[in-house]
Amino acid sequence: MVCLLAYQLIFADHRSRLNVEKEKITVSTVTKGTFDVYIVVTATVQPLKTIRLDAIEGGYVMQKYLEGGSSVKKGDSILRLDNQRLMMEFVNRETEMYRLINELQNTRLRLKQDRFTPG
């Protein structure tokens, strides 16, 4: 038994073999050229830097100037929001401001009239 084991270690063929079907082998002439290897990889692309924006006043998106993933610089417009409630509030405050200006002008006019009216 020991002799058989020694014989296997010393004289046996230790080369590895791979059995391949003949139909799967392609034989052709060797030529010099570029060697392209394509490796299919599944990956997720991440941006270098992500900045989240919060709108102080919300609204509806009326127009999108840039698509997702586009590079932006400081001052670039990304989208336009529309907020009807905020617009109505602005118009109401503007109306109130004009009313106060008109009231102030009327008060000044009455003061001038009172000054020149004999009493």
N, C-alpha and C. Protein backbone atom coordinates (compact mmCIF):
# COMPACT_ATOMS: atom_id res chain seq x y z
N MET A 1 0.81 -1.18 0.00
CA MET A 1 0.00 0.00 0.00
C MET A 1 0.86 1.25 0.00
N VAL A 2 1.88 1.27 0.82
CA VAL A 2 2.79 2.41 0.89
C VAL A 2 3.51 2.56 -0.44
N CYS A 3 3.88 1.44 -1.05
CA CYS A 3 4.58 1.49 -2.34
C CYS A 3 3.69 2.09 -3.42
N LEU A 4 2.41 1.73 -3.42
CA LEU A 4 1.48 2.26 -4.40
C LEU A 4 1.31 3.77 -4.23
N LEU A 5 1.21 4.21 -3.00
CA LEU A 5 1.10 5.64 -2.70
C LEU A 5 2.35 6.39 -3.13
N ALA A 6 3.51 5.87 -2.85
CA ALA A 6 4.78 6.48 -3.25
C ALA A 6 4.87 6.54 -4.77
N TYR A 7 4.47 5.45 -5.45
CA TYR A 7 4.50 5.41 -6.90
C TYR A 7 3.58 6.51 -7.48
N GLN A 8 2.38 6.69 -6.91
CA GLN A 8 1.45 7.73 -7.37
C GLN A 8 2.03 9.12 -7.17
N LEU A 9 2.69 9.35 -6.05
CA LEU A 9 3.27 10.66 -5.78
C LEU A 9 4.44 10.97 -6.70
N ILE A 10 5.21 9.99 -7.02
CA ILE A 10 6.43 10.23 -7.82
C ILE A 10 6.17 10.16 -9.32
N PHE A 11 5.51 9.12 -9.80
CA PHE A 11 5.42 8.86 -11.23
C PHE A 11 4.06 9.21 -11.88
N ALA A 12 3.08 9.54 -11.11
CA ALA A 12 1.76 9.80 -11.69
C ALA A 12 1.74 11.15 -12.41
N ASP A 13 0.81 11.30 -13.36
CA ASP A 13 0.63 12.54 -14.13
C ASP A 13 -0.21 13.51 -13.28
N HIS A 14 0.38 14.64 -12.88
CA HIS A 14 -0.29 15.60 -12.00
C HIS A 14 -0.81 16.83 -12.76
N ARG A 15 -0.85 16.80 -14.08
CA ARG A 15 -1.37 17.91 -14.85
C ARG A 15 -2.90 17.93 -14.75
N SER A 16 -3.44 19.17 -14.76
CA SER A 16 -4.91 19.27 -14.70
C SER A 16 -5.47 19.20 -16.10
N ARG A 17 -6.72 18.76 -16.20
CA ARG A 17 -7.35 18.60 -17.50
C ARG A 17 -8.74 19.22 -17.45
N LEU A 18 -9.20 19.65 -18.63
CA LEU A 18 -10.54 20.18 -18.77
C LEU A 18 -11.15 19.55 -20.01
N ASN A 19 -12.24 18.87 -19.83
CA ASN A 19 -12.92 18.23 -20.95
C ASN A 19 -13.92 19.22 -21.52
N VAL A 20 -13.80 19.51 -22.83
CA VAL A 20 -14.67 20.46 -23.52
C VAL A 20 -15.26 19.78 -24.74
N GLU A 21 -16.55 20.09 -25.02
CA GLU A 21 -17.19 19.52 -26.20
C GLU A 21 -16.60 20.13 -27.46
N LYS A 22 -16.47 19.34 -28.52
CA LYS A 22 -15.87 19.79 -29.78
C LYS A 22 -16.64 20.94 -30.41
N GLU A 23 -17.98 20.95 -30.27
CA GLU A 23 -18.80 21.97 -30.89
C GLU A 23 -18.57 23.35 -30.29
N LYS A 24 -18.07 23.41 -29.09
CA LYS A 24 -17.86 24.68 -28.40
C LYS A 24 -16.47 25.27 -28.64
N ILE A 25 -15.66 24.63 -29.43
CA ILE A 25 -14.30 25.10 -29.70
C ILE A 25 -14.27 25.77 -31.07
N THR A 26 -13.66 26.96 -31.14
CA THR A 26 -13.49 27.68 -32.39
C THR A 26 -12.00 27.78 -32.67
N VAL A 27 -11.59 27.37 -33.83
CA VAL A 27 -10.19 27.44 -34.23
C VAL A 27 -10.09 28.41 -35.40
N SER A 28 -9.18 29.40 -35.29
CA SER A 28 -9.01 30.35 -36.38
C SER A 28 -7.57 30.83 -36.39
N THR A 29 -7.22 31.61 -37.43
CA THR A 29 -5.87 32.12 -37.59
C THR A 29 -5.64 33.26 -36.60
N VAL A 30 -4.46 33.30 -36.02
CA VAL A 30 -4.11 34.35 -35.07
C VAL A 30 -3.71 35.60 -35.85
N THR A 31 -4.33 36.74 -35.50
CA THR A 31 -4.00 38.01 -36.14
C THR A 31 -3.71 39.04 -35.06
N LYS A 32 -2.98 40.07 -35.46
CA LYS A 32 -2.66 41.16 -34.53
C LYS A 32 -3.73 42.24 -34.65
N GLY A 33 -4.25 42.75 -33.52
CA GLY A 33 -5.29 43.76 -33.54
C GLY A 33 -5.69 44.14 -32.12
N THR A 34 -6.74 44.91 -32.03
CA THR A 34 -7.20 45.33 -30.70
C THR A 34 -8.01 44.20 -30.07
N PHE A 35 -7.91 44.12 -28.78
CA PHE A 35 -8.63 43.11 -28.02
C PHE A 35 -9.63 43.82 -27.14
N ASP A 36 -10.90 43.68 -27.46
CA ASP A 36 -11.96 44.32 -26.68
C ASP A 36 -12.62 43.31 -25.77
N VAL A 37 -12.72 43.68 -24.51
CA VAL A 37 -13.41 42.84 -23.55
C VAL A 37 -14.53 43.67 -22.95
N TYR A 38 -15.73 43.18 -22.99
CA TYR A 38 -16.88 43.86 -22.40
C TYR A 38 -17.35 43.07 -21.20
N ILE A 39 -17.41 43.76 -20.09
CA ILE A 39 -17.87 43.12 -18.86
C ILE A 39 -19.18 43.79 -18.47
N VAL A 40 -20.23 43.02 -18.33
CA VAL A 40 -21.53 43.54 -17.95
C VAL A 40 -21.51 43.74 -16.43
N VAL A 41 -21.79 44.98 -16.03
CA VAL A 41 -21.78 45.32 -14.61
C VAL A 41 -23.09 46.04 -14.28
N THR A 42 -23.73 45.64 -13.23
CA THR A 42 -24.92 46.33 -12.75
C THR A 42 -24.47 47.26 -11.63
N ALA A 43 -24.78 48.56 -11.77
CA ALA A 43 -24.30 49.53 -10.79
C ALA A 43 -25.32 50.64 -10.62
N THR A 44 -25.10 51.44 -9.60
CA THR A 44 -25.91 52.61 -9.34
C THR A 44 -25.01 53.83 -9.41
N VAL A 45 -25.40 54.82 -10.22
CA VAL A 45 -24.61 56.04 -10.36
C VAL A 45 -25.05 57.03 -9.29
N GLN A 46 -24.10 57.58 -8.56
CA GLN A 46 -24.36 58.53 -7.50
C GLN A 46 -23.72 59.87 -7.88
N PRO A 47 -24.40 61.00 -7.62
CA PRO A 47 -23.78 62.31 -7.89
C PRO A 47 -22.65 62.57 -6.89
N LEU A 48 -21.70 63.42 -7.30
CA LEU A 48 -20.61 63.77 -6.40
C LEU A 48 -21.11 64.56 -5.21
N LYS A 49 -22.09 65.44 -5.46
CA LYS A 49 -22.61 66.31 -4.41
C LYS A 49 -24.11 66.47 -4.59
N THR A 50 -24.86 66.33 -3.52
CA THR A 50 -26.32 66.50 -3.57
C THR A 50 -26.70 67.62 -2.63
N ILE A 51 -27.49 68.57 -3.14
CA ILE A 51 -27.96 69.68 -2.32
C ILE A 51 -29.48 69.66 -2.36
N ARG A 52 -30.10 69.65 -1.21
CA ARG A 52 -31.56 69.65 -1.12
C ARG A 52 -32.04 71.08 -0.90
N LEU A 53 -33.07 71.46 -1.64
CA LEU A 53 -33.63 72.81 -1.54
C LEU A 53 -34.98 72.76 -0.85
N ASP A 54 -35.22 73.71 0.02
CA ASP A 54 -36.52 73.87 0.66
C ASP A 54 -37.10 75.21 0.23
N ALA A 55 -38.31 75.19 -0.23
CA ALA A 55 -38.99 76.44 -0.59
C ALA A 55 -39.61 77.02 0.67
N ILE A 56 -39.36 78.31 0.92
CA ILE A 56 -39.93 78.97 2.10
C ILE A 56 -41.44 78.99 1.96
N GLU A 57 -41.92 79.33 0.80
CA GLU A 57 -43.34 79.29 0.48
C GLU A 57 -43.53 78.21 -0.58
N GLY A 58 -44.43 77.29 -0.34
CA GLY A 58 -44.68 76.22 -1.30
C GLY A 58 -45.45 76.71 -2.50
N GLY A 59 -45.76 75.83 -3.39
CA GLY A 59 -46.53 76.18 -4.57
C GLY A 59 -46.57 75.03 -5.55
N TYR A 60 -47.14 75.30 -6.70
CA TYR A 60 -47.21 74.32 -7.77
C TYR A 60 -46.11 74.60 -8.78
N VAL A 61 -45.50 73.55 -9.31
CA VAL A 61 -44.45 73.71 -10.31
C VAL A 61 -45.13 74.09 -11.63
N MET A 62 -44.81 75.29 -12.11
CA MET A 62 -45.38 75.78 -13.36
C MET A 62 -44.48 75.46 -14.56
N GLN A 63 -43.15 75.52 -14.33
CA GLN A 63 -42.22 75.28 -15.44
C GLN A 63 -40.93 74.72 -14.87
N LYS A 64 -40.42 73.71 -15.56
CA LYS A 64 -39.16 73.08 -15.17
C LYS A 64 -38.10 73.54 -16.17
N TYR A 65 -37.05 74.20 -15.70
CA TYR A 65 -36.00 74.70 -16.59
C TYR A 65 -34.91 73.66 -16.83
N LEU A 66 -34.63 72.80 -15.84
CA LEU A 66 -33.57 71.81 -15.95
C LEU A 66 -34.11 70.43 -15.61
N GLU A 67 -33.56 69.41 -16.22
CA GLU A 67 -33.94 68.03 -15.93
C GLU A 67 -33.09 67.50 -14.79
N GLY A 68 -33.55 66.44 -14.16
CA GLY A 68 -32.80 65.80 -13.07
C GLY A 68 -31.45 65.32 -13.56
N GLY A 69 -30.42 65.51 -12.76
CA GLY A 69 -29.07 65.09 -13.12
C GLY A 69 -28.28 66.15 -13.85
N SER A 70 -28.89 67.28 -14.20
CA SER A 70 -28.18 68.36 -14.90
C SER A 70 -27.26 69.09 -13.92
N SER A 71 -26.15 69.56 -14.42
CA SER A 71 -25.24 70.36 -13.59
C SER A 71 -25.80 71.77 -13.47
N VAL A 72 -25.70 72.34 -12.30
CA VAL A 72 -26.19 73.70 -12.08
C VAL A 72 -25.09 74.53 -11.45
N LYS A 73 -25.19 75.84 -11.69
CA LYS A 73 -24.26 76.79 -11.09
C LYS A 73 -25.06 77.74 -10.21
N LYS A 74 -24.38 78.46 -9.37
CA LYS A 74 -25.04 79.43 -8.50
C LYS A 74 -25.79 80.44 -9.36
N GLY A 75 -27.05 80.66 -9.04
CA GLY A 75 -27.87 81.62 -9.76
C GLY A 75 -28.72 81.01 -10.86
N ASP A 76 -28.50 79.73 -11.22
CA ASP A 76 -29.31 79.08 -12.26
C ASP A 76 -30.74 78.87 -11.76
N SER A 77 -31.71 79.12 -12.63
CA SER A 77 -33.11 78.83 -12.30
C SER A 77 -33.36 77.36 -12.57
N ILE A 78 -33.98 76.68 -11.61
CA ILE A 78 -34.26 75.26 -11.74
C ILE A 78 -35.71 75.05 -12.15
N LEU A 79 -36.61 75.75 -11.46
CA LEU A 79 -38.03 75.66 -11.79
C LEU A 79 -38.75 76.91 -11.34
N ARG A 80 -40.00 77.05 -11.80
CA ARG A 80 -40.82 78.20 -11.43
C ARG A 80 -42.04 77.69 -10.68
N LEU A 81 -42.25 78.24 -9.49
CA LEU A 81 -43.39 77.85 -8.68
C LEU A 81 -44.50 78.88 -8.81
N ASP A 82 -45.73 78.44 -8.65
CA ASP A 82 -46.88 79.32 -8.66
C ASP A 82 -47.65 79.07 -7.37
N ASN A 83 -47.96 80.16 -6.63
CA ASN A 83 -48.68 80.06 -5.38
C ASN A 83 -49.78 81.11 -5.39
N GLN A 84 -51.01 80.68 -5.69
CA GLN A 84 -52.13 81.61 -5.82
C GLN A 84 -52.44 82.31 -4.50
N ARG A 85 -52.34 81.59 -3.39
CA ARG A 85 -52.62 82.18 -2.08
C ARG A 85 -51.64 83.31 -1.79
N LEU A 86 -50.35 83.09 -2.09
CA LEU A 86 -49.34 84.11 -1.87
C LEU A 86 -49.56 85.31 -2.78
N MET A 87 -49.97 85.06 -4.03
CA MET A 87 -50.25 86.16 -4.96
C MET A 87 -51.43 86.99 -4.46
N MET A 88 -52.48 86.34 -3.97
CA MET A 88 -53.65 87.06 -3.45
C MET A 88 -53.26 87.88 -2.22
N GLU A 89 -52.41 87.31 -1.37
CA GLU A 89 -51.95 88.03 -0.18
C GLU A 89 -51.16 89.27 -0.59
N PHE A 90 -50.32 89.12 -1.61
CA PHE A 90 -49.53 90.25 -2.11
C PHE A 90 -50.45 91.35 -2.66
N VAL A 91 -51.45 90.96 -3.46
CA VAL A 91 -52.39 91.93 -4.03
C VAL A 91 -53.16 92.64 -2.92
N ASN A 92 -53.61 91.89 -1.92
CA ASN A 92 -54.34 92.48 -0.80
C ASN A 92 -53.48 93.48 -0.03
N ARG A 93 -52.22 93.13 0.20
CA ARG A 93 -51.33 94.06 0.91
C ARG A 93 -51.04 95.30 0.07
N GLU A 94 -50.89 95.11 -1.23
CA GLU A 94 -50.66 96.24 -2.12
C GLU A 94 -51.88 97.17 -2.11
N THR A 95 -53.07 96.58 -2.15
CA THR A 95 -54.31 97.36 -2.09
C THR A 95 -54.40 98.12 -0.77
N GLU A 96 -54.05 97.45 0.32
CA GLU A 96 -54.07 98.10 1.64
C GLU A 96 -53.06 99.26 1.69
N MET A 97 -51.90 99.06 1.08
CA MET A 97 -50.89 100.12 1.05
C MET A 97 -51.42 101.34 0.28
N TYR A 98 -52.05 101.13 -0.88
CA TYR A 98 -52.60 102.25 -1.65
C TYR A 98 -53.74 102.93 -0.89
N ARG A 99 -54.53 102.14 -0.16
CA ARG A 99 -55.61 102.71 0.65
C ARG A 99 -55.04 103.62 1.74
N LEU A 100 -53.94 103.16 2.40
CA LEU A 100 -53.31 103.97 3.45
C LEU A 100 -52.68 105.24 2.87
N ILE A 101 -52.08 105.15 1.70
CA ILE A 101 -51.49 106.32 1.05
C ILE A 101 -52.59 107.32 0.71
N ASN A 102 -53.70 106.83 0.19
CA ASN A 102 -54.84 107.68 -0.16
C ASN A 102 -55.41 108.35 1.10
N GLU A 103 -55.51 107.58 2.16
CA GLU A 103 -56.02 108.12 3.43
C GLU A 103 -55.08 109.20 3.97
N LEU A 104 -53.79 108.99 3.86
CA LEU A 104 -52.80 109.98 4.31
C LEU A 104 -52.92 111.27 3.48
N GLN A 105 -53.08 111.12 2.16
CA GLN A 105 -53.24 112.30 1.30
C GLN A 105 -54.53 113.05 1.65
N ASN A 106 -55.60 112.34 1.93
CA ASN A 106 -56.87 112.98 2.32
C ASN A 106 -56.71 113.71 3.66
N THR A 107 -56.00 113.13 4.58
CA THR A 107 -55.76 113.77 5.89
C THR A 107 -54.96 115.06 5.70
N ARG A 108 -53.93 115.02 4.87
CA ARG A 108 -53.12 116.23 4.61
C ARG A 108 -53.99 117.32 3.96
N LEU A 109 -54.83 116.90 3.02
CA LEU A 109 -55.72 117.84 2.34
C LEU A 109 -56.69 118.49 3.34
N ARG A 110 -57.27 117.72 4.26
CA ARG A 110 -58.18 118.26 5.28
C ARG A 110 -57.45 119.23 6.21
N LEU A 111 -56.19 118.89 6.55
CA LEU A 111 -55.41 119.79 7.41
C LEU A 111 -55.18 121.14 6.72
N LYS A 112 -54.87 121.10 5.42
CA LYS A 112 -54.67 122.33 4.66
C LYS A 112 -55.98 123.13 4.58
N GLN A 113 -57.09 122.43 4.35
CA GLN A 113 -58.38 123.10 4.28
C GLN A 113 -58.76 123.73 5.61
N ASP A 114 -58.48 122.99 6.69
CA ASP A 114 -58.79 123.51 8.04
C ASP A 114 -57.95 124.75 8.35
N ARG A 115 -56.74 124.81 7.86
CA ARG A 115 -55.85 125.93 8.11
C ARG A 115 -56.37 127.19 7.41
N PHE A 116 -56.93 127.04 6.21
CA PHE A 116 -57.37 128.19 5.43
C PHE A 116 -58.86 128.52 5.62
N THR A 117 -59.60 127.69 6.29
CA THR A 117 -61.02 127.93 6.52
C THR A 117 -61.17 128.79 7.78
N PRO A 118 -61.89 129.95 7.63
CA PRO A 118 -62.08 130.78 8.84
C PRO A 118 -63.03 130.10 9.81
N GLY A 119 -62.68 130.11 11.00
CA GLY A 119 -63.52 129.39 11.91
C GLY A 119 -63.87 130.12 13.06
